[in-house]
Amino acid sequence: MEGWKKGVRWNMLSENEITNRFRQCGMTRGAGELYLELPIALDFLATCEENNLAVIGVEGFIYHEEKGSIEAKMDYIADYSDVKTPNWEQYRNLCNHLSKDFLGHLPSKAGLVVNLVVLSEEEWWTWKLRHCKNDMSGGIGRPAVPALIEALTDEEWEVRYRAAEALSRIGEPAVPALIKALDDEDDEVRSWAAWGLGVIGEPAKRAVPVLIKALSDEHWEVQAQAAHALKEIGIPEAMKSVEEFESRMRGA
């Protein structure tokens, strides 16, 4: 399954779907974590790689069959979640390489099972938005859009701003999601969506009808951002609507 390497995302399996496929090969405990023996864990990791997922950690345990219990082994734990890379592809590849290498060096010990910690591209973007305040420049593309749209509702204004800014840098591929966000029930999301469309400018011209509608939004900030976006898009229909809007405002 190589579609994602060519920029085509089809038939990708989620972490839950992969876990369900491997469930019969391992055992579950507690909150549903899946514990696998080493050879099967390597197959699990390979399946994650094929489906654009990163294995960011390995947790090793000893299963005591006679007691039916699992003992955590601190020496068999690895966490690669904080590795620094400029984009998702390098992050995914590095984490998977390190996790595979770690699994390959674990001892062949009776009862040894591992739980693999998996991260999706969308989850990575959500984390990056919240924690990487000074670096949102690397590797932003269409797959990040869902996480960025969700981040427009974050309680921290800096996260909302970085999300809107990142969407604007994605450019035209982000326009459909920003158009949809203009219909969000949260006025701040609508405002940030309009702002992002304005930064994209003329390539966002398909958003003109919904931006014109936003000129009548019940919140002034949304109206203002919509008017600014229409000016930045600059096509005749947009400019005419802004002139009419500003005329109404002067007469109000």
C-alpha atoms as a PDB file:
ATOM      1  CA  MET A   1       0.000   0.000   0.000  1.00  0.00           C
ATOM      2  CA  GLU A   2       2.185   2.846  -1.318  1.00  0.00           C
ATOM      3  CA  GLY A   3      -0.403   5.500  -2.225  1.00  0.00           C
ATOM      4  CA  TRP A   4       0.566   8.035   0.449  1.00  0.00           C
ATOM      5  CA  LYS A   5       4.175   8.158  -0.807  1.00  0.00           C
ATOM      6  CA  LYS A   6       2.900   9.596  -4.067  1.00  0.00           C
ATOM      7  CA  GLY A   7       0.618  12.083  -2.377  1.00  0.00           C
ATOM      8  CA  VAL A   8      -2.485   9.942  -2.874  1.00  0.00           C
ATOM      9  CA  ARG A   9      -4.209   9.008   0.353  1.00  0.00           C
ATOM     10  CA  TRP A  10      -6.445   6.025  -0.317  1.00  0.00           C
ATOM     11  CA  ASN A  11      -7.411   3.023   1.784  1.00  0.00           C
ATOM     12  CA  MET A  12      -5.270   4.136   4.709  1.00  0.00           C
ATOM     13  CA  LEU A  13      -5.909   2.156   7.886  1.00  0.00           C
ATOM     14  CA  SER A  14      -6.272   3.967  11.193  1.00  0.00           C
ATOM     15  CA  GLU A  15      -4.495   2.924  14.382  1.00  0.00           C
ATOM     16  CA  ASN A  16      -7.728   1.375  15.685  1.00  0.00           C
ATOM     17  CA  GLU A  17      -8.230  -0.619  12.485  1.00  0.00           C
ATOM     18  CA  ILE A  18      -4.665  -1.936  12.623  1.00  0.00           C
ATOM     19  CA  THR A  19      -5.018  -2.771  16.307  1.00  0.00           C
ATOM     20  CA  ASN A  20      -8.214  -4.706  15.598  1.00  0.00           C
ATOM     21  CA  ARG A  21      -6.458  -6.674  12.861  1.00  0.00           C
ATOM     22  CA  PHE A  22      -3.703  -7.692  15.249  1.00  0.00           C
ATOM     23  CA  ARG A  23      -5.885  -8.204  18.297  1.00  0.00           C
ATOM     24  CA  GLN A  24      -6.196 -11.948  17.782  1.00  0.00           C
ATOM     25  CA  CYS A  25      -2.373 -12.167  17.667  1.00  0.00           C
ATOM     26  CA  GLY A  26      -1.857 -10.627  21.100  1.00  0.00           C
ATOM     27  CA  MET A  27      -3.664  -9.831  24.304  1.00  0.00           C
ATOM     28  CA  THR A  28      -5.316  -6.786  25.795  1.00  0.00           C
ATOM     29  CA  ARG A  29      -5.348  -5.529  29.351  1.00  0.00           C
ATOM     30  CA  GLY A  30      -6.519  -2.440  31.233  1.00  0.00           C
ATOM     31  CA  ALA A  31      -7.676   0.364  28.928  1.00  0.00           C
ATOM     32  CA  GLY A  32      -7.439  -1.884  25.882  1.00  0.00           C
ATOM     33  CA  GLU A  33      -3.688  -1.678  25.209  1.00  0.00           C
ATOM     34  CA  LEU A  34      -2.505  -4.404  22.855  1.00  0.00           C
ATOM     35  CA  TYR A  35       0.468  -6.495  23.961  1.00  0.00           C
ATOM     36  CA  LEU A  36       2.362  -8.375  21.255  1.00  0.00           C
ATOM     37  CA  GLU A  37       5.285 -10.758  21.117  1.00  0.00           C
ATOM     38  CA  LEU A  38       8.340  -9.379  19.306  1.00  0.00           C
ATOM     39  CA  PRO A  39       7.924 -10.926  15.823  1.00  0.00           C
ATOM     40  CA  ILE A  40       4.282  -9.815  15.689  1.00  0.00           C
ATOM     41  CA  ALA A  41       5.202  -6.372  17.045  1.00  0.00           C
ATOM     42  CA  LEU A  42       7.580  -5.939  14.100  1.00  0.00           C
ATOM     43  CA  ASP A  43       4.750  -6.834  11.724  1.00  0.00           C
ATOM     44  CA  PHE A  44       2.519  -4.323  13.525  1.00  0.00           C
ATOM     45  CA  LEU A  45       5.174  -1.620  13.100  1.00  0.00           C
ATOM     46  CA  ALA A  46       5.560  -2.432   9.395  1.00  0.00           C
ATOM     47  CA  THR A  47       1.791  -2.109   8.941  1.00  0.00           C
ATOM     48  CA  CYS A  48       1.891   1.267  10.659  1.00  0.00           C
ATOM     49  CA  GLU A  49       4.636   2.378   8.264  1.00  0.00           C
ATOM     50  CA  GLU A  50       2.522   1.329   5.277  1.00  0.00           C
ATOM     51  CA  ASN A  51      -0.378   3.418   6.586  1.00  0.00           C
ATOM     52  CA  ASN A  52       1.433   6.684   7.305  1.00  0.00           C
ATOM     53  CA  LEU A  53       1.578   6.171  11.077  1.00  0.00           C
ATOM     54  CA  ALA A  54       4.532   6.698  13.402  1.00  0.00           C
ATOM     55  CA  VAL A  55       5.439   4.327  16.218  1.00  0.00           C
ATOM     56  CA  ILE A  56       6.772   6.855  18.727  1.00  0.00           C
ATOM     57  CA  GLY A  57       7.357   4.577  21.685  1.00  0.00           C
ATOM     58  CA  VAL A  58       7.871   1.017  22.874  1.00  0.00           C
ATOM     59  CA  GLU A  59       6.765  -0.288  26.264  1.00  0.00           C
ATOM     60  CA  GLY A  60       8.133  -3.680  27.274  1.00  0.00           C
ATOM     61  CA  PHE A  61       6.518  -6.059  29.764  1.00  0.00           C
ATOM     62  CA  ILE A  62       6.962  -9.567  31.076  1.00  0.00           C
ATOM     63  CA  TYR A  63       3.809 -11.652  31.005  1.00  0.00           C
ATOM     64  CA  HIS A  64       3.621 -14.141  33.876  1.00  0.00           C
ATOM     65  CA  GLU A  65       1.292 -16.775  32.497  1.00  0.00           C
ATOM     66  CA  GLU A  66       0.941 -18.675  35.768  1.00  0.00           C
ATOM     67  CA  LYS A  67      -0.269 -15.533  37.546  1.00  0.00           C
ATOM     68  CA  GLY A  68      -2.031 -13.976  34.594  1.00  0.00           C
ATOM     69  CA  SER A  69      -0.192 -10.710  35.349  1.00  0.00           C
ATOM     70  CA  ILE A  70       1.982  -8.281  33.421  1.00  0.00           C
ATOM     71  CA  GLU A  71       5.125  -6.716  34.888  1.00  0.00           C
ATOM     72  CA  ALA A  72       6.471  -3.466  33.425  1.00  0.00           C
ATOM     73  CA  LYS A  73      10.204  -3.514  32.627  1.00  0.00           C
ATOM     74  CA  MET A  74      11.746  -0.043  32.752  1.00  0.00           C
ATOM     75  CA  ASP A  75      14.806  -1.202  30.789  1.00  0.00           C
ATOM     76  CA  TYR A  76      12.518  -2.158  27.907  1.00  0.00           C
ATOM     77  CA  ILE A  77      10.874   1.259  27.446  1.00  0.00           C
ATOM     78  CA  ALA A  78      11.726   3.804  24.733  1.00  0.00           C
ATOM     79  CA  ASP A  79      10.116   7.166  23.979  1.00  0.00           C
ATOM     80  CA  TYR A  80      10.871   8.936  20.694  1.00  0.00           C
ATOM     81  CA  SER A  81       7.972  11.390  20.726  1.00  0.00           C
ATOM     82  CA  ASP A  82      10.239  14.430  21.174  1.00  0.00           C
ATOM     83  CA  VAL A  83      12.595  13.827  18.234  1.00  0.00           C
ATOM     84  CA  LYS A  84      13.121  17.058  16.291  1.00  0.00           C
ATOM     85  CA  THR A  85      12.481  17.023  12.550  1.00  0.00           C
ATOM     86  CA  PRO A  86      11.267  19.728  10.146  1.00  0.00           C
ATOM     87  CA  ASN A  87       8.265  17.838   8.800  1.00  0.00           C
ATOM     88  CA  TRP A  88       5.942  14.902   9.380  1.00  0.00           C
ATOM     89  CA  GLU A  89       7.528  12.559   6.822  1.00  0.00           C
ATOM     90  CA  GLN A  90      10.958  12.790   8.442  1.00  0.00           C
ATOM     91  CA  TYR A  91       9.420  12.528  11.916  1.00  0.00           C
ATOM     92  CA  ARG A  92       7.468   9.391  10.964  1.00  0.00           C
ATOM     93  CA  ASN A  93      10.430   7.746   9.264  1.00  0.00           C
ATOM     94  CA  LEU A  94      12.838   8.504  12.106  1.00  0.00           C
ATOM     95  CA  CYS A  95      10.472   7.323  14.852  1.00  0.00           C
ATOM     96  CA  ASN A  96       9.709   4.104  12.998  1.00  0.00           C
ATOM     97  CA  HIS A  97      13.417   3.479  12.365  1.00  0.00           C
ATOM     98  CA  LEU A  98      14.324   4.053  16.015  1.00  0.00           C
ATOM     99  CA  SER A  99      11.441   1.912  17.285  1.00  0.00           C
ATOM    100  CA  LYS A 100      12.320  -0.914  14.892  1.00  0.00           C
ATOM    101  CA  ASP A 101      15.961  -0.759  15.996  1.00  0.00           C
ATOM    102  CA  PHE A 102      14.911  -0.799  19.673  1.00  0.00           C
ATOM    103  CA  LEU A 103      12.693  -3.850  19.116  1.00  0.00           C
ATOM    104  CA  GLY A 104      15.559  -5.575  17.339  1.00  0.00           C
ATOM    105  CA  HIS A 105      17.801  -5.177  20.374  1.00  0.00           C
ATOM    106  CA  LEU A 106      15.342  -6.423  22.994  1.00  0.00           C
ATOM    107  CA  PRO A 107      16.371  -9.781  24.524  1.00  0.00           C
ATOM    108  CA  SER A 108      14.589 -12.972  23.537  1.00  0.00           C
ATOM    109  CA  LYS A 109      13.165 -13.438  26.994  1.00  0.00           C
ATOM    110  CA  ALA A 110      10.326 -15.760  27.969  1.00  0.00           C
ATOM    111  CA  GLY A 111       7.068 -13.874  28.395  1.00  0.00           C
ATOM    112  CA  LEU A 112       8.336 -10.661  26.809  1.00  0.00           C
ATOM    113  CA  VAL A 113       5.537  -8.634  25.194  1.00  0.00           C
ATOM    114  CA  VAL A 114       5.443  -5.035  24.012  1.00  0.00           C
ATOM    115  CA  ASN A 115       2.883  -2.309  23.575  1.00  0.00           C
ATOM    116  CA  LEU A 116       3.589   0.124  20.732  1.00  0.00           C
ATOM    117  CA  VAL A 117       2.613   3.788  21.039  1.00  0.00           C
ATOM    118  CA  VAL A 118       1.308   5.093  17.710  1.00  0.00           C
ATOM    119  CA  LEU A 119       0.840   8.650  16.434  1.00  0.00           C
ATOM    120  CA  SER A 120      -1.060   9.786  13.334  1.00  0.00           C
ATOM    121  CA  GLU A 121      -0.112  12.703  11.131  1.00  0.00           C
ATOM    122  CA  GLU A 122      -3.151  14.672  12.322  1.00  0.00           C
ATOM    123  CA  GLU A 123      -2.212  14.083  15.965  1.00  0.00           C
ATOM    124  CA  TRP A 124       1.344  15.225  15.218  1.00  0.00           C
ATOM    125  CA  TRP A 125       0.073  18.490  13.764  1.00  0.00           C
ATOM    126  CA  THR A 126      -2.159  19.066  16.776  1.00  0.00           C
ATOM    127  CA  TRP A 127       0.826  18.597  19.085  1.00  0.00           C
ATOM    128  CA  LYS A 128       3.040  20.825  16.939  1.00  0.00           C
ATOM    129  CA  LEU A 129       0.471  23.618  17.001  1.00  0.00           C
ATOM    130  CA  ARG A 130       0.327  23.567  20.792  1.00  0.00           C
ATOM    131  CA  HIS A 131       4.039  23.245  21.537  1.00  0.00           C
ATOM    132  CA  CYS A 132       6.150  24.555  18.651  1.00  0.00           C
ATOM    133  CA  LYS A 133       5.399  28.267  18.921  1.00  0.00           C
ATOM    134  CA  ASN A 134       8.493  29.359  17.020  1.00  0.00           C
ATOM    135  CA  ASP A 135       8.520  26.800  14.220  1.00  0.00           C
ATOM    136  CA  MET A 136       5.444  26.188  12.114  1.00  0.00           C
ATOM    137  CA  SER A 137       7.212  26.531   8.781  1.00  0.00           C
ATOM    138  CA  GLY A 138       8.258  23.014   7.881  1.00  0.00           C
ATOM    139  CA  GLY A 139       6.304  20.529   5.843  1.00  0.00           C
ATOM    140  CA  ILE A 140       2.814  22.002   6.120  1.00  0.00           C
ATOM    141  CA  GLY A 141       0.480  20.440   3.568  1.00  0.00           C
ATOM    142  CA  ARG A 142      -3.019  19.211   2.853  1.00  0.00           C
ATOM    143  CA  PRO A 143      -2.948  16.336   5.441  1.00  0.00           C
ATOM    144  CA  ALA A 144      -2.539  18.926   8.213  1.00  0.00           C
ATOM    145  CA  VAL A 145      -5.810  20.703   7.365  1.00  0.00           C
ATOM    146  CA  PRO A 146      -8.173  18.716   9.668  1.00  0.00           C
ATOM    147  CA  ALA A 147      -5.969  19.278  12.719  1.00  0.00           C
ATOM    148  CA  LEU A 148      -5.516  22.941  11.846  1.00  0.00           C
ATOM    149  CA  ILE A 149      -9.266  23.509  11.455  1.00  0.00           C
ATOM    150  CA  GLU A 150      -9.875  21.830  14.819  1.00  0.00           C
ATOM    151  CA  ALA A 151      -7.203  24.054  16.368  1.00  0.00           C
ATOM    152  CA  LEU A 152      -9.201  27.142  15.383  1.00  0.00           C
ATOM    153  CA  THR A 153     -11.405  26.298  18.398  1.00  0.00           C
ATOM    154  CA  ASP A 154      -8.507  25.998  20.852  1.00  0.00           C
ATOM    155  CA  GLU A 155      -8.884  27.914  24.126  1.00  0.00           C
ATOM    156  CA  GLU A 156      -5.478  29.588  23.624  1.00  0.00           C
ATOM    157  CA  TRP A 157      -5.542  32.459  21.131  1.00  0.00           C
ATOM    158  CA  GLU A 158      -1.919  31.803  20.107  1.00  0.00           C
ATOM    159  CA  VAL A 159      -2.858  28.304  18.984  1.00  0.00           C
ATOM    160  CA  ARG A 160      -5.841  29.674  17.039  1.00  0.00           C
ATOM    161  CA  TYR A 161      -3.611  32.265  15.380  1.00  0.00           C
ATOM    162  CA  ARG A 162      -0.925  29.731  14.431  1.00  0.00           C
ATOM    163  CA  ALA A 163      -3.572  27.418  13.013  1.00  0.00           C
ATOM    164  CA  ALA A 164      -5.074  30.172  10.861  1.00  0.00           C
ATOM    165  CA  GLU A 165      -1.611  31.287   9.767  1.00  0.00           C
ATOM    166  CA  ALA A 166      -0.628  27.715   8.860  1.00  0.00           C
ATOM    167  CA  LEU A 167      -3.828  27.236   6.867  1.00  0.00           C
ATOM    168  CA  SER A 168      -3.123  30.426   4.957  1.00  0.00           C
ATOM    169  CA  ARG A 169       0.369  29.151   4.091  1.00  0.00           C
ATOM    170  CA  ILE A 170      -1.058  25.880   2.793  1.00  0.00           C
ATOM    171  CA  GLY A 171      -2.901  28.098   0.336  1.00  0.00           C
ATOM    172  CA  GLU A 172      -5.526  26.955  -2.130  1.00  0.00           C
ATOM    173  CA  PRO A 173      -5.729  23.320  -0.849  1.00  0.00           C
ATOM    174  CA  ALA A 174      -6.971  24.717   2.481  1.00  0.00           C
ATOM    175  CA  VAL A 175      -9.714  26.857   0.928  1.00  0.00           C
ATOM    176  CA  PRO A 176     -12.543  24.245   1.043  1.00  0.00           C
ATOM    177  CA  ALA A 177     -11.934  23.630   4.761  1.00  0.00           C
ATOM    178  CA  LEU A 178     -11.813  27.367   5.480  1.00  0.00           C
ATOM    179  CA  ILE A 179     -15.063  27.856   3.560  1.00  0.00           C
ATOM    180  CA  LYS A 180     -16.661  25.174   5.718  1.00  0.00           C
ATOM    181  CA  ALA A 181     -15.248  26.838   8.845  1.00  0.00           C
ATOM    182  CA  LEU A 182     -17.025  30.060   7.877  1.00  0.00           C
ATOM    183  CA  ASP A 183     -20.252  28.248   8.758  1.00  0.00           C
ATOM    184  CA  ASP A 184     -18.996  27.168  12.193  1.00  0.00           C
ATOM    185  CA  GLU A 185     -21.197  28.002  15.201  1.00  0.00           C
ATOM    186  CA  ASP A 186     -18.199  29.586  16.960  1.00  0.00           C
ATOM    187  CA  ASP A 187     -17.757  33.224  15.857  1.00  0.00           C
ATOM    188  CA  GLU A 188     -14.009  33.114  16.558  1.00  0.00           C
ATOM    189  CA  VAL A 189     -13.611  30.177  14.175  1.00  0.00           C
ATOM    190  CA  ARG A 190     -15.542  32.099  11.511  1.00  0.00           C
ATOM    191  CA  SER A 191     -13.365  35.153  12.085  1.00  0.00           C
ATOM    192  CA  TRP A 192     -10.092  33.234  11.841  1.00  0.00           C
ATOM    193  CA  ALA A 193     -11.347  31.394   8.750  1.00  0.00           C
ATOM    194  CA  ALA A 194     -12.102  34.693   7.019  1.00  0.00           C
ATOM    195  CA  TRP A 195      -8.686  36.022   8.051  1.00  0.00           C
ATOM    196  CA  GLY A 196      -6.982  32.956   6.562  1.00  0.00           C
ATOM    197  CA  LEU A 197      -8.856  33.328   3.283  1.00  0.00           C
ATOM    198  CA  GLY A 198      -7.747  36.936   3.129  1.00  0.00           C
ATOM    199  CA  VAL A 199      -4.100  35.953   3.515  1.00  0.00           C
ATOM    200  CA  ILE A 200      -4.472  33.388   0.700  1.00  0.00           C
ATOM    201  CA  GLY A 201      -5.923  36.143  -1.474  1.00  0.00           C
ATOM    202  CA  GLU A 202      -6.929  35.671  -5.113  1.00  0.00           C
ATOM    203  CA  PRO A 203      -6.471  31.845  -5.117  1.00  0.00           C
ATOM    204  CA  ALA A 204      -9.345  31.788  -2.572  1.00  0.00           C
ATOM    205  CA  LYS A 205     -11.795  33.378  -5.015  1.00  0.00           C
ATOM    206  CA  ARG A 206     -14.178  30.410  -4.769  1.00  0.00           C
ATOM    207  CA  ALA A 207     -14.843  31.586  -1.196  1.00  0.00           C
ATOM    208  CA  VAL A 208     -16.293  34.917  -2.362  1.00  0.00           C
ATOM    209  CA  PRO A 209     -19.994  33.866  -2.072  1.00  0.00           C
ATOM    210  CA  VAL A 210     -19.619  32.693   1.542  1.00  0.00           C
ATOM    211  CA  LEU A 211     -17.495  35.716   2.439  1.00  0.00           C
ATOM    212  CA  ILE A 212     -20.215  37.984   1.043  1.00  0.00           C
ATOM    213  CA  LYS A 213     -22.700  36.123   3.234  1.00  0.00           C
ATOM    214  CA  ALA A 214     -20.344  36.652   6.214  1.00  0.00           C
ATOM    215  CA  LEU A 215     -20.675  40.419   5.738  1.00  0.00           C
ATOM    216  CA  SER A 216     -24.067  39.984   7.405  1.00  0.00           C
ATOM    217  CA  ASP A 217     -22.718  37.904  10.296  1.00  0.00           C
ATOM    218  CA  GLU A 218     -24.136  38.791  13.709  1.00  0.00           C
ATOM    219  CA  HIS A 219     -20.585  39.428  15.007  1.00  0.00           C
ATOM    220  CA  TRP A 220     -18.779  42.569  13.900  1.00  0.00           C
ATOM    221  CA  GLU A 221     -15.317  40.935  13.935  1.00  0.00           C
ATOM    222  CA  VAL A 222     -16.467  38.307  11.432  1.00  0.00           C
ATOM    223  CA  GLN A 223     -17.899  41.029   9.204  1.00  0.00           C
ATOM    224  CA  ALA A 224     -14.648  42.985   9.333  1.00  0.00           C
ATOM    225  CA  GLN A 225     -12.476  39.984   8.538  1.00  0.00           C
ATOM    226  CA  ALA A 226     -14.784  38.978   5.688  1.00  0.00           C
ATOM    227  CA  ALA A 227     -14.594  42.477   4.206  1.00  0.00           C
ATOM    228  CA  HIS A 228     -10.808  42.431   4.470  1.00  0.00           C
ATOM    229  CA  ALA A 229     -10.641  38.996   2.833  1.00  0.00           C
ATOM    230  CA  LEU A 230     -12.833  40.140  -0.057  1.00  0.00           C
ATOM    231  CA  LYS A 231     -10.533  43.113  -0.617  1.00  0.00           C
ATOM    232  CA  GLU A 232      -7.488  40.824  -0.650  1.00  0.00           C
ATOM    233  CA  ILE A 233      -9.147  38.441  -3.132  1.00  0.00           C
ATOM    234  CA  GLY A 234      -9.830  41.485  -5.249  1.00  0.00           C
ATOM    235  CA  ILE A 235     -12.085  40.180  -8.026  1.00  0.00           C
ATOM    236  CA  PRO A 236     -14.864  42.558  -9.206  1.00  0.00           C
ATOM    237  CA  GLU A 237     -17.676  40.697  -7.443  1.00  0.00           C
ATOM    238  CA  ALA A 238     -15.761  40.841  -4.168  1.00  0.00           C
ATOM    239  CA  MET A 239     -14.879  44.524  -4.477  1.00  0.00           C
ATOM    240  CA  LYS A 240     -18.445  45.504  -5.314  1.00  0.00           C
ATOM    241  CA  SER A 241     -19.755  43.708  -2.227  1.00  0.00           C
ATOM    242  CA  VAL A 242     -17.182  45.415   0.002  1.00  0.00           C
ATOM    243  CA  GLU A 243     -18.108  48.835  -1.377  1.00  0.00           C
ATOM    244  CA  GLU A 244     -21.798  48.158  -0.647  1.00  0.00           C
ATOM    245  CA  PHE A 245     -20.930  46.881   2.844  1.00  0.00           C
ATOM    246  CA  GLU A 246     -18.798  49.933   3.665  1.00  0.00           C
ATOM    247  CA  SER A 247     -21.522  52.217   2.320  1.00  0.00           C
ATOM    248  CA  ARG A 248     -24.052  50.581   4.651  1.00  0.00           C
ATOM    249  CA  MET A 249     -21.658  50.950   7.571  1.00  0.00           C
ATOM    250  CA  ARG A 250     -21.174  54.653   6.910  1.00  0.00           C
ATOM    251  CA  GLY A 251     -24.921  55.141   6.756  1.00  0.00           C
ATOM    252  CA  ALA A 252     -25.632  53.144   9.905  1.00  0.00           C
END
